[in-house]
Amino acid sequence: MLCASADAPAGLSAIRQWLLARGAAAVPAGAAHSAGLPEQIRRVASAPASAARRIFAVLVLDALAVPGLLHAERSRARLERDVCALLEAALPHALARAQYPLGGDIDARRRHLAVLAASIDEYLQPLEPSIPTWLSTRTER
């Protein structure tokens, strides 16, 4: 999980640079360099599915909890839409398990993501069988 204090702009800048590097790993090698984190989020949202894209999506979800980290110079509403698009593309099964409102308005989705950030690890785990394996492998006599 990402941590930074709101009164440490140098720390936030370092985390942003680290996120940019993680995002660069999630896009095809020939793609143009991104100018900032909002653009990187948009690029990764449309990148092909990969483990790097999934990792970047989880990091962006964690970054939502750090005040000032995902600032948008131009449009906060566009950034929120882009973050939702990235997470919906990269983590569809985890979001479905968390009852994420895919068809909801942007405010409902943003509120759900704020809560989901604390428990995303639980939703990324593989599903456990509903019948215990010791019971299903037991032989009848």
C-alpha atoms as a PDB file:
ATOM      1  CA  MET A   1       0.000   0.000   0.000  1.00  0.00           C
ATOM      2  CA  LEU A   2       1.201   3.492  -0.800  1.00  0.00           C
ATOM      3  CA  CYS A   3       1.803   5.960   2.022  1.00  0.00           C
ATOM      4  CA  ALA A   4       2.710   9.604   2.045  1.00  0.00           C
ATOM      5  CA  SER A   5       1.945  12.572   4.212  1.00  0.00           C
ATOM      6  CA  ALA A   6       0.012  15.436   2.674  1.00  0.00           C
ATOM      7  CA  ASP A   7       2.737  17.890   3.736  1.00  0.00           C
ATOM      8  CA  ALA A   8       5.486  16.095   1.810  1.00  0.00           C
ATOM      9  CA  PRO A   9       5.258  17.284  -1.822  1.00  0.00           C
ATOM     10  CA  ALA A  10       8.673  15.801  -2.651  1.00  0.00           C
ATOM     11  CA  GLY A  11       7.460  12.406  -1.434  1.00  0.00           C
ATOM     12  CA  LEU A  12       4.307  12.681  -3.529  1.00  0.00           C
ATOM     13  CA  SER A  13       6.385  13.568  -6.554  1.00  0.00           C
ATOM     14  CA  ALA A  14       8.593  10.521  -6.034  1.00  0.00           C
ATOM     15  CA  ILE A  15       5.534   8.279  -5.711  1.00  0.00           C
ATOM     16  CA  ARG A  16       4.050   9.791  -8.892  1.00  0.00           C
ATOM     17  CA  GLN A  17       7.309   9.044 -10.755  1.00  0.00           C
ATOM     18  CA  TRP A  18       7.261   5.480  -9.423  1.00  0.00           C
ATOM     19  CA  LEU A  19       3.635   5.071 -10.566  1.00  0.00           C
ATOM     20  CA  LEU A  20       4.561   6.446 -14.008  1.00  0.00           C
ATOM     21  CA  ALA A  21       7.288   3.798 -14.258  1.00  0.00           C
ATOM     22  CA  ARG A  22       4.855   1.038 -13.239  1.00  0.00           C
ATOM     23  CA  GLY A  23       2.386   2.313 -15.834  1.00  0.00           C
ATOM     24  CA  ALA A  24       5.071   2.391 -18.533  1.00  0.00           C
ATOM     25  CA  ALA A  25       5.663  -1.303 -17.889  1.00  0.00           C
ATOM     26  CA  ALA A  26       1.994  -1.974 -18.647  1.00  0.00           C
ATOM     27  CA  VAL A  27       1.858  -0.456 -22.133  1.00  0.00           C
ATOM     28  CA  PRO A  28       3.379  -1.798 -25.372  1.00  0.00           C
ATOM     29  CA  ALA A  29       7.062  -0.944 -25.834  1.00  0.00           C
ATOM     30  CA  GLY A  30       6.488   1.306 -28.869  1.00  0.00           C
ATOM     31  CA  ALA A  31       3.952   3.574 -27.132  1.00  0.00           C
ATOM     32  CA  ALA A  32       4.849   7.236 -26.678  1.00  0.00           C
ATOM     33  CA  HIS A  33       5.993   8.497 -23.267  1.00  0.00           C
ATOM     34  CA  SER A  34       3.263  10.005 -21.117  1.00  0.00           C
ATOM     35  CA  ALA A  35       3.499  13.566 -19.787  1.00  0.00           C
ATOM     36  CA  GLY A  36       1.810  12.848 -16.472  1.00  0.00           C
ATOM     37  CA  LEU A  37      -0.085  10.405 -14.331  1.00  0.00           C
ATOM     38  CA  PRO A  38      -3.582  11.224 -15.695  1.00  0.00           C
ATOM     39  CA  GLU A  39      -2.367  10.538 -19.248  1.00  0.00           C
ATOM     40  CA  GLN A  40      -0.614   7.354 -18.101  1.00  0.00           C
ATOM     41  CA  ILE A  41      -3.829   6.107 -16.479  1.00  0.00           C
ATOM     42  CA  ARG A  42      -5.691   6.734 -19.747  1.00  0.00           C
ATOM     43  CA  ARG A  43      -3.026   4.884 -21.781  1.00  0.00           C
ATOM     44  CA  VAL A  44      -2.885   1.875 -19.469  1.00  0.00           C
ATOM     45  CA  ALA A  45      -6.701   1.621 -19.437  1.00  0.00           C
ATOM     46  CA  SER A  46      -6.620   0.926 -23.173  1.00  0.00           C
ATOM     47  CA  ALA A  47      -3.496  -1.285 -23.090  1.00  0.00           C
ATOM     48  CA  PRO A  48      -3.777  -5.051 -23.631  1.00  0.00           C
ATOM     49  CA  ALA A  49      -4.492  -7.194 -20.580  1.00  0.00           C
ATOM     50  CA  SER A  50      -1.343  -8.148 -18.687  1.00  0.00           C
ATOM     51  CA  ALA A  51      -0.058  -8.746 -15.183  1.00  0.00           C
ATOM     52  CA  ALA A  52       1.644  -5.322 -15.319  1.00  0.00           C
ATOM     53  CA  ARG A  53      -1.681  -3.609 -16.143  1.00  0.00           C
ATOM     54  CA  ARG A  54      -3.371  -5.415 -13.268  1.00  0.00           C
ATOM     55  CA  ILE A  55      -0.590  -4.413 -10.849  1.00  0.00           C
ATOM     56  CA  PHE A  56      -0.786  -0.792 -12.017  1.00  0.00           C
ATOM     57  CA  ALA A  57      -4.563  -0.799 -11.518  1.00  0.00           C
ATOM     58  CA  VAL A  58      -4.192  -2.015  -7.922  1.00  0.00           C
ATOM     59  CA  LEU A  59      -1.544   0.652  -7.286  1.00  0.00           C
ATOM     60  CA  VAL A  60      -3.851   3.351  -8.679  1.00  0.00           C
ATOM     61  CA  LEU A  61      -6.639   2.061  -6.445  1.00  0.00           C
ATOM     62  CA  ASP A  62      -4.279   2.345  -3.457  1.00  0.00           C
ATOM     63  CA  ALA A  63      -3.268   5.837  -4.626  1.00  0.00           C
ATOM     64  CA  LEU A  64      -6.871   7.002  -4.329  1.00  0.00           C
ATOM     65  CA  ALA A  65      -6.445   6.887  -0.551  1.00  0.00           C
ATOM     66  CA  VAL A  66      -3.445   9.281  -0.567  1.00  0.00           C
ATOM     67  CA  PRO A  67      -4.666  12.901  -0.550  1.00  0.00           C
ATOM     68  CA  GLY A  68      -3.152  14.941  -3.384  1.00  0.00           C
ATOM     69  CA  LEU A  69      -1.413  12.039  -5.097  1.00  0.00           C
ATOM     70  CA  LEU A  70      -3.718  11.719  -8.109  1.00  0.00           C
ATOM     71  CA  HIS A  71      -4.220  15.410  -8.732  1.00  0.00           C
ATOM     72  CA  ALA A  72      -5.531  16.500 -12.088  1.00  0.00           C
ATOM     73  CA  GLU A  73      -4.283  19.745 -13.559  1.00  0.00           C
ATOM     74  CA  ARG A  74      -7.219  20.070 -15.915  1.00  0.00           C
ATOM     75  CA  SER A  75     -10.278  18.007 -15.121  1.00  0.00           C
ATOM     76  CA  ARG A  76     -10.953  16.037 -11.957  1.00  0.00           C
ATOM     77  CA  ALA A  77     -14.102  14.538 -13.506  1.00  0.00           C
ATOM     78  CA  ARG A  78     -12.123  13.194 -16.462  1.00  0.00           C
ATOM     79  CA  LEU A  79      -9.498  11.714 -14.126  1.00  0.00           C
ATOM     80  CA  GLU A  80     -12.251   9.964 -12.136  1.00  0.00           C
ATOM     81  CA  ARG A  81     -13.722   8.528 -15.360  1.00  0.00           C
ATOM     82  CA  ASP A  82     -10.276   7.385 -16.498  1.00  0.00           C
ATOM     83  CA  VAL A  83      -9.508   5.735 -13.144  1.00  0.00           C
ATOM     84  CA  CYS A  84     -12.856   3.931 -13.266  1.00  0.00           C
ATOM     85  CA  ALA A  85     -12.172   2.823 -16.867  1.00  0.00           C
ATOM     86  CA  LEU A  86      -8.730   1.483 -15.892  1.00  0.00           C
ATOM     87  CA  LEU A  87     -10.012  -0.448 -12.891  1.00  0.00           C
ATOM     88  CA  GLU A  88     -13.039  -1.795 -14.760  1.00  0.00           C
ATOM     89  CA  ALA A  89     -10.812  -3.029 -17.603  1.00  0.00           C
ATOM     90  CA  ALA A  90      -8.003  -4.457 -15.469  1.00  0.00           C
ATOM     91  CA  LEU A  91      -9.898  -5.868 -12.462  1.00  0.00           C
ATOM     92  CA  PRO A  92     -13.344  -6.935 -13.742  1.00  0.00           C
ATOM     93  CA  HIS A  93     -13.653 -10.099 -11.642  1.00  0.00           C
ATOM     94  CA  ALA A  94     -12.516  -8.455  -8.411  1.00  0.00           C
ATOM     95  CA  LEU A  95     -14.940  -5.565  -8.972  1.00  0.00           C
ATOM     96  CA  ALA A  96     -17.799  -7.963  -9.700  1.00  0.00           C
ATOM     97  CA  ARG A  97     -17.086  -9.884  -6.481  1.00  0.00           C
ATOM     98  CA  ALA A  98     -17.048  -6.582  -4.573  1.00  0.00           C
ATOM     99  CA  GLN A  99     -20.466  -5.664  -6.038  1.00  0.00           C
ATOM    100  CA  TYR A 100     -19.035  -2.619  -7.801  1.00  0.00           C
ATOM    101  CA  PRO A 101     -21.816  -0.605  -9.507  1.00  0.00           C
ATOM    102  CA  LEU A 102     -20.683  -0.968 -13.141  1.00  0.00           C
ATOM    103  CA  GLY A 103     -23.777   0.744 -14.493  1.00  0.00           C
ATOM    104  CA  GLY A 104     -23.879   3.381 -11.756  1.00  0.00           C
ATOM    105  CA  ASP A 105     -23.047   7.030 -12.066  1.00  0.00           C
ATOM    106  CA  ILE A 106     -19.481   8.207 -11.610  1.00  0.00           C
ATOM    107  CA  ASP A 107     -20.098   9.409  -8.037  1.00  0.00           C
ATOM    108  CA  ALA A 108     -21.430   6.014  -6.941  1.00  0.00           C
ATOM    109  CA  ARG A 109     -18.475   4.254  -8.554  1.00  0.00           C
ATOM    110  CA  ARG A 110     -15.965   6.676  -6.974  1.00  0.00           C
ATOM    111  CA  ARG A 111     -17.482   6.174  -3.509  1.00  0.00           C
ATOM    112  CA  HIS A 112     -17.379   2.396  -3.950  1.00  0.00           C
ATOM    113  CA  LEU A 113     -13.724   2.524  -5.022  1.00  0.00           C
ATOM    114  CA  ALA A 114     -12.818   4.557  -1.933  1.00  0.00           C
ATOM    115  CA  VAL A 115     -14.179   1.738   0.258  1.00  0.00           C
ATOM    116  CA  LEU A 116     -12.786  -1.012  -1.975  1.00  0.00           C
ATOM    117  CA  ALA A 117      -9.203   0.236  -1.659  1.00  0.00           C
ATOM    118  CA  ALA A 118      -9.050  -1.072   1.910  1.00  0.00           C
ATOM    119  CA  SER A 119     -10.159  -4.602   0.984  1.00  0.00           C
ATOM    120  CA  ILE A 120      -8.982  -5.180  -2.608  1.00  0.00           C
ATOM    121  CA  ASP A 121      -6.556  -7.927  -1.562  1.00  0.00           C
ATOM    122  CA  GLU A 122      -9.507 -10.045  -0.418  1.00  0.00           C
ATOM    123  CA  TYR A 123     -11.253  -9.711  -3.792  1.00  0.00           C
ATOM    124  CA  LEU A 124      -8.099 -10.506  -5.774  1.00  0.00           C
ATOM    125  CA  GLN A 125      -7.731 -13.929  -4.091  1.00  0.00           C
ATOM    126  CA  PRO A 126      -8.962 -16.931  -6.077  1.00  0.00           C
ATOM    127  CA  LEU A 127     -12.383 -18.228  -5.136  1.00  0.00           C
ATOM    128  CA  GLU A 128     -12.387 -21.088  -2.675  1.00  0.00           C
ATOM    129  CA  PRO A 129     -14.442 -24.181  -3.457  1.00  0.00           C
ATOM    130  CA  SER A 130     -17.844 -24.306  -1.810  1.00  0.00           C
ATOM    131  CA  ILE A 131     -17.371 -28.003  -1.012  1.00  0.00           C
ATOM    132  CA  PRO A 132     -14.263 -28.744   1.066  1.00  0.00           C
ATOM    133  CA  THR A 133     -11.674 -30.728  -0.868  1.00  0.00           C
ATOM    134  CA  TRP A 134     -11.408 -33.337   1.895  1.00  0.00           C
ATOM    135  CA  LEU A 135     -15.123 -34.084   1.458  1.00  0.00           C
ATOM    136  CA  SER A 136     -15.091 -34.286  -2.340  1.00  0.00           C
ATOM    137  CA  THR A 137     -12.039 -36.611  -2.447  1.00  0.00           C
ATOM    138  CA  ARG A 138     -13.399 -38.992   0.172  1.00  0.00           C
ATOM    139  CA  THR A 139     -14.251 -42.406  -1.214  1.00  0.00           C
ATOM    140  CA  GLU A 140     -17.466 -44.214  -0.435  1.00  0.00           C
ATOM    141  CA  ARG A 141     -17.336 -47.673   1.203  1.00  0.00           C
END
